Amino acid sequence: MTRFTTVPALFPPPRYSHAAVVEAGERLVFSAGAVPLDADGSLVGPGDRAAQTRQVLANLAAQLEAAGSGLDQVIASTVYVVATASGDLTTAWEEVRSSALSTGPHTSTLVGVTVLGYPGQLVEITATGVVRER
């Protein structure tokens, strides 16, 4: 059982929780960073943060499903966006908010960075999810 907490004395987070407590005995999956590459290794959506975010979310969903979890089972995520202005972050965040990753409460961090691992890459997401009961 996972319990999500939003602290009343703190600024209320938009669509995520301040903390998550996972009871002992839960099986967790820790994803590698999902990137905006297709199955052939080609960059999807060059220069387009929204398109790259959608591909990243699709790849993250596939990673989690392969491990017995899913976007709706994520308890923590970090969204990395190559950005020089907050509007660049907003573009990616709006895609995340409209995805299954925002189905339930979870902890999340949105980070602006100067560069990511692949040429032209603008977005990457890591996540920790609970493995579904068999």
C-alpha atoms as a PDB file:
ATOM      1  CA  MET A   1       0.000   0.000   0.000  1.00  0.00           C
ATOM      2  CA  THR A   2       1.321   3.437  -0.931  1.00  0.00           C
ATOM      3  CA  ARG A   3       0.284   6.564   0.973  1.00  0.00           C
ATOM      4  CA  PHE A   4       0.674   9.984  -0.666  1.00  0.00           C
ATOM      5  CA  THR A   5       1.000  13.116   1.450  1.00  0.00           C
ATOM      6  CA  THR A   6       0.386  16.759   0.668  1.00  0.00           C
ATOM      7  CA  VAL A   7       1.466  18.967   3.563  1.00  0.00           C
ATOM      8  CA  PRO A   8      -1.230  21.550   4.400  1.00  0.00           C
ATOM      9  CA  ALA A   9       1.329  24.077   5.697  1.00  0.00           C
ATOM     10  CA  LEU A  10       3.207  24.087   2.365  1.00  0.00           C
ATOM     11  CA  PHE A  11       2.234  25.539  -0.997  1.00  0.00           C
ATOM     12  CA  PRO A  12      -0.069  22.951  -2.622  1.00  0.00           C
ATOM     13  CA  PRO A  13       1.742  21.210  -5.479  1.00  0.00           C
ATOM     14  CA  PRO A  14      -0.002  21.167  -8.877  1.00  0.00           C
ATOM     15  CA  ARG A  15      -1.150  17.581  -9.526  1.00  0.00           C
ATOM     16  CA  TYR A  16       1.488  15.786  -7.471  1.00  0.00           C
ATOM     17  CA  SER A  17       2.247  15.023  -3.811  1.00  0.00           C
ATOM     18  CA  HIS A  18       4.981  16.241  -1.473  1.00  0.00           C
ATOM     19  CA  ALA A  19       5.875  12.709  -0.349  1.00  0.00           C
ATOM     20  CA  ALA A  20       5.050   9.056  -0.896  1.00  0.00           C
ATOM     21  CA  VAL A  21       5.393   6.301   1.708  1.00  0.00           C
ATOM     22  CA  VAL A  22       5.637   2.756   0.376  1.00  0.00           C
ATOM     23  CA  GLU A  23       4.875  -0.008   2.839  1.00  0.00           C
ATOM     24  CA  ALA A  24       7.466  -2.749   3.270  1.00  0.00           C
ATOM     25  CA  GLY A  25       6.820  -5.648   0.968  1.00  0.00           C
ATOM     26  CA  GLU A  26       5.963  -3.575  -2.119  1.00  0.00           C
ATOM     27  CA  ARG A  27       7.911  -4.434  -5.226  1.00  0.00           C
ATOM     28  CA  LEU A  28       9.265  -1.362  -6.981  1.00  0.00           C
ATOM     29  CA  VAL A  29      10.576  -0.706 -10.475  1.00  0.00           C
ATOM     30  CA  PHE A  30      13.164   2.022 -11.065  1.00  0.00           C
ATOM     31  CA  SER A  31      13.226   3.142 -14.682  1.00  0.00           C
ATOM     32  CA  ALA A  32      16.196   4.336 -16.628  1.00  0.00           C
ATOM     33  CA  GLY A  33      15.647   7.717 -18.214  1.00  0.00           C
ATOM     34  CA  ALA A  34      13.085   7.433 -21.000  1.00  0.00           C
ATOM     35  CA  VAL A  35      14.254   9.345 -24.058  1.00  0.00           C
ATOM     36  CA  PRO A  36      12.599  10.592 -27.279  1.00  0.00           C
ATOM     37  CA  LEU A  37      14.005   7.909 -29.585  1.00  0.00           C
ATOM     38  CA  ASP A  38      11.929   5.546 -31.704  1.00  0.00           C
ATOM     39  CA  ALA A  39      12.588   1.800 -31.942  1.00  0.00           C
ATOM     40  CA  ASP A  40      15.217   2.437 -34.639  1.00  0.00           C
ATOM     41  CA  GLY A  41      17.098   4.922 -32.441  1.00  0.00           C
ATOM     42  CA  SER A  42      15.994   8.000 -34.389  1.00  0.00           C
ATOM     43  CA  LEU A  43      15.152  11.206 -32.556  1.00  0.00           C
ATOM     44  CA  VAL A  44      11.401  11.927 -32.581  1.00  0.00           C
ATOM     45  CA  GLY A  45      10.298  15.580 -32.874  1.00  0.00           C
ATOM     46  CA  PRO A  46      13.563  17.471 -33.429  1.00  0.00           C
ATOM     47  CA  GLY A  47      13.177  20.923 -31.863  1.00  0.00           C
ATOM     48  CA  ASP A  48       9.652  20.118 -30.595  1.00  0.00           C
ATOM     49  CA  ARG A  49       9.432  19.708 -26.801  1.00  0.00           C
ATOM     50  CA  ALA A  50       5.783  18.610 -26.913  1.00  0.00           C
ATOM     51  CA  ALA A  51       6.408  15.874 -29.511  1.00  0.00           C
ATOM     52  CA  GLN A  52       9.503  14.685 -27.665  1.00  0.00           C
ATOM     53  CA  THR A  53       7.608  14.586 -24.369  1.00  0.00           C
ATOM     54  CA  ARG A  54       4.868  12.451 -25.919  1.00  0.00           C
ATOM     55  CA  GLN A  55       7.499   9.999 -27.248  1.00  0.00           C
ATOM     56  CA  VAL A  56       9.267   9.947 -23.880  1.00  0.00           C
ATOM     57  CA  LEU A  57       5.964   9.156 -22.145  1.00  0.00           C
ATOM     58  CA  ALA A  58       5.236   6.352 -24.622  1.00  0.00           C
ATOM     59  CA  ASN A  59       8.706   4.902 -24.078  1.00  0.00           C
ATOM     60  CA  LEU A  60       8.385   5.240 -20.298  1.00  0.00           C
ATOM     61  CA  ALA A  61       5.027   3.465 -20.406  1.00  0.00           C
ATOM     62  CA  ALA A  62       6.620   0.594 -22.360  1.00  0.00           C
ATOM     63  CA  GLN A  63       9.515   0.351 -19.877  1.00  0.00           C
ATOM     64  CA  LEU A  64       7.169   0.232 -16.904  1.00  0.00           C
ATOM     65  CA  GLU A  65       4.749  -2.243 -18.516  1.00  0.00           C
ATOM     66  CA  ALA A  66       7.652  -4.596 -19.314  1.00  0.00           C
ATOM     67  CA  ALA A  67       8.508  -4.567 -15.601  1.00  0.00           C
ATOM     68  CA  GLY A  68       4.925  -5.213 -14.467  1.00  0.00           C
ATOM     69  CA  SER A  69       4.007  -1.618 -13.656  1.00  0.00           C
ATOM     70  CA  GLY A  70       2.519   1.331 -15.548  1.00  0.00           C
ATOM     71  CA  LEU A  71       2.267   5.089 -15.698  1.00  0.00           C
ATOM     72  CA  ASP A  72      -0.682   4.905 -13.306  1.00  0.00           C
ATOM     73  CA  GLN A  73       1.526   3.069 -10.767  1.00  0.00           C
ATOM     74  CA  VAL A  74       4.316   5.691 -10.641  1.00  0.00           C
ATOM     75  CA  ILE A  75       5.097   7.000  -7.167  1.00  0.00           C
ATOM     76  CA  ALA A  76       7.961   9.347  -8.138  1.00  0.00           C
ATOM     77  CA  SER A  77       9.148  10.978 -11.350  1.00  0.00           C
ATOM     78  CA  THR A  78      11.711  13.492 -12.506  1.00  0.00           C
ATOM     79  CA  VAL A  79      11.163  15.391 -15.753  1.00  0.00           C
ATOM     80  CA  TYR A  80      14.287  16.896 -17.325  1.00  0.00           C
ATOM     81  CA  VAL A  81      13.827  19.579 -19.991  1.00  0.00           C
ATOM     82  CA  VAL A  82      16.500  21.441 -21.934  1.00  0.00           C
ATOM     83  CA  ALA A  83      15.370  25.002 -21.279  1.00  0.00           C
ATOM     84  CA  THR A  84      16.454  28.605 -21.061  1.00  0.00           C
ATOM     85  CA  ALA A  85      13.039  29.947 -20.018  1.00  0.00           C
ATOM     86  CA  SER A  86      10.192  28.699 -17.839  1.00  0.00           C
ATOM     87  CA  GLY A  87       7.883  28.548 -20.882  1.00  0.00           C
ATOM     88  CA  ASP A  88      10.065  25.759 -22.257  1.00  0.00           C
ATOM     89  CA  LEU A  89       9.401  23.782 -19.080  1.00  0.00           C
ATOM     90  CA  THR A  90       5.676  24.481 -19.299  1.00  0.00           C
ATOM     91  CA  THR A  91       5.433  22.940 -22.767  1.00  0.00           C
ATOM     92  CA  ALA A  92       6.771  19.611 -21.522  1.00  0.00           C
ATOM     93  CA  TRP A  93       4.847  19.791 -18.231  1.00  0.00           C
ATOM     94  CA  GLU A  94       1.514  20.269 -20.006  1.00  0.00           C
ATOM     95  CA  GLU A  95       2.123  17.037 -21.949  1.00  0.00           C
ATOM     96  CA  VAL A  96       2.950  15.231 -18.700  1.00  0.00           C
ATOM     97  CA  ARG A  97      -0.186  16.623 -17.027  1.00  0.00           C
ATOM     98  CA  SER A  98      -2.403  15.397 -19.870  1.00  0.00           C
ATOM     99  CA  SER A  99      -0.886  11.900 -19.795  1.00  0.00           C
ATOM    100  CA  ALA A 100      -1.590   8.781 -17.741  1.00  0.00           C
ATOM    101  CA  LEU A 101       1.436   9.731 -15.632  1.00  0.00           C
ATOM    102  CA  SER A 102      -0.859  12.265 -13.953  1.00  0.00           C
ATOM    103  CA  THR A 103      -3.632   9.731 -13.301  1.00  0.00           C
ATOM    104  CA  GLY A 104      -2.941   9.515  -9.590  1.00  0.00           C
ATOM    105  CA  PRO A 105      -0.955  11.475  -7.054  1.00  0.00           C
ATOM    106  CA  HIS A 106       2.780  10.951  -7.057  1.00  0.00           C
ATOM    107  CA  THR A 107       5.879  12.938  -6.222  1.00  0.00           C
ATOM    108  CA  SER A 108       7.407  14.775  -9.152  1.00  0.00           C
ATOM    109  CA  THR A 109      10.233  17.174  -9.909  1.00  0.00           C
ATOM    110  CA  LEU A 110      10.528  19.319 -13.049  1.00  0.00           C
ATOM    111  CA  VAL A 111      14.111  20.336 -13.843  1.00  0.00           C
ATOM    112  CA  GLY A 112      15.536  22.668 -16.472  1.00  0.00           C
ATOM    113  CA  VAL A 113      18.921  21.525 -17.772  1.00  0.00           C
ATOM    114  CA  THR A 114      21.409  22.740 -20.373  1.00  0.00           C
ATOM    115  CA  VAL A 115      21.964  19.471 -22.229  1.00  0.00           C
ATOM    116  CA  LEU A 116      20.819  15.828 -22.301  1.00  0.00           C
ATOM    117  CA  GLY A 117      22.551  12.710 -23.612  1.00  0.00           C
ATOM    118  CA  TYR A 118      21.469  12.443 -27.263  1.00  0.00           C
ATOM    119  CA  PRO A 119      22.044  15.124 -29.926  1.00  0.00           C
ATOM    120  CA  GLY A 120      18.860  17.197 -30.215  1.00  0.00           C
ATOM    121  CA  GLN A 121      17.260  15.623 -27.135  1.00  0.00           C
ATOM    122  CA  LEU A 122      15.101  18.092 -25.204  1.00  0.00           C
ATOM    123  CA  VAL A 123      13.227  15.872 -22.700  1.00  0.00           C
ATOM    124  CA  GLU A 124      13.917  12.865 -20.462  1.00  0.00           C
ATOM    125  CA  ILE A 125      11.860  11.315 -17.656  1.00  0.00           C
ATOM    126  CA  THR A 126      12.856   8.879 -14.917  1.00  0.00           C
ATOM    127  CA  ALA A 127      10.278   7.195 -12.705  1.00  0.00           C
ATOM    128  CA  THR A 128       9.796   4.794  -9.829  1.00  0.00           C
ATOM    129  CA  GLY A 129       6.669   2.670  -9.938  1.00  0.00           C
ATOM    130  CA  VAL A 130       4.963   0.018  -7.882  1.00  0.00           C
ATOM    131  CA  VAL A 131       4.817  -3.420  -9.516  1.00  0.00           C
ATOM    132  CA  ARG A 132       1.228  -4.588  -9.812  1.00  0.00           C
ATOM    133  CA  GLU A 133       0.054  -7.580  -7.797  1.00  0.00           C
ATOM    134  CA  ARG A 134       0.016 -10.810  -9.792  1.00  0.00           C
END
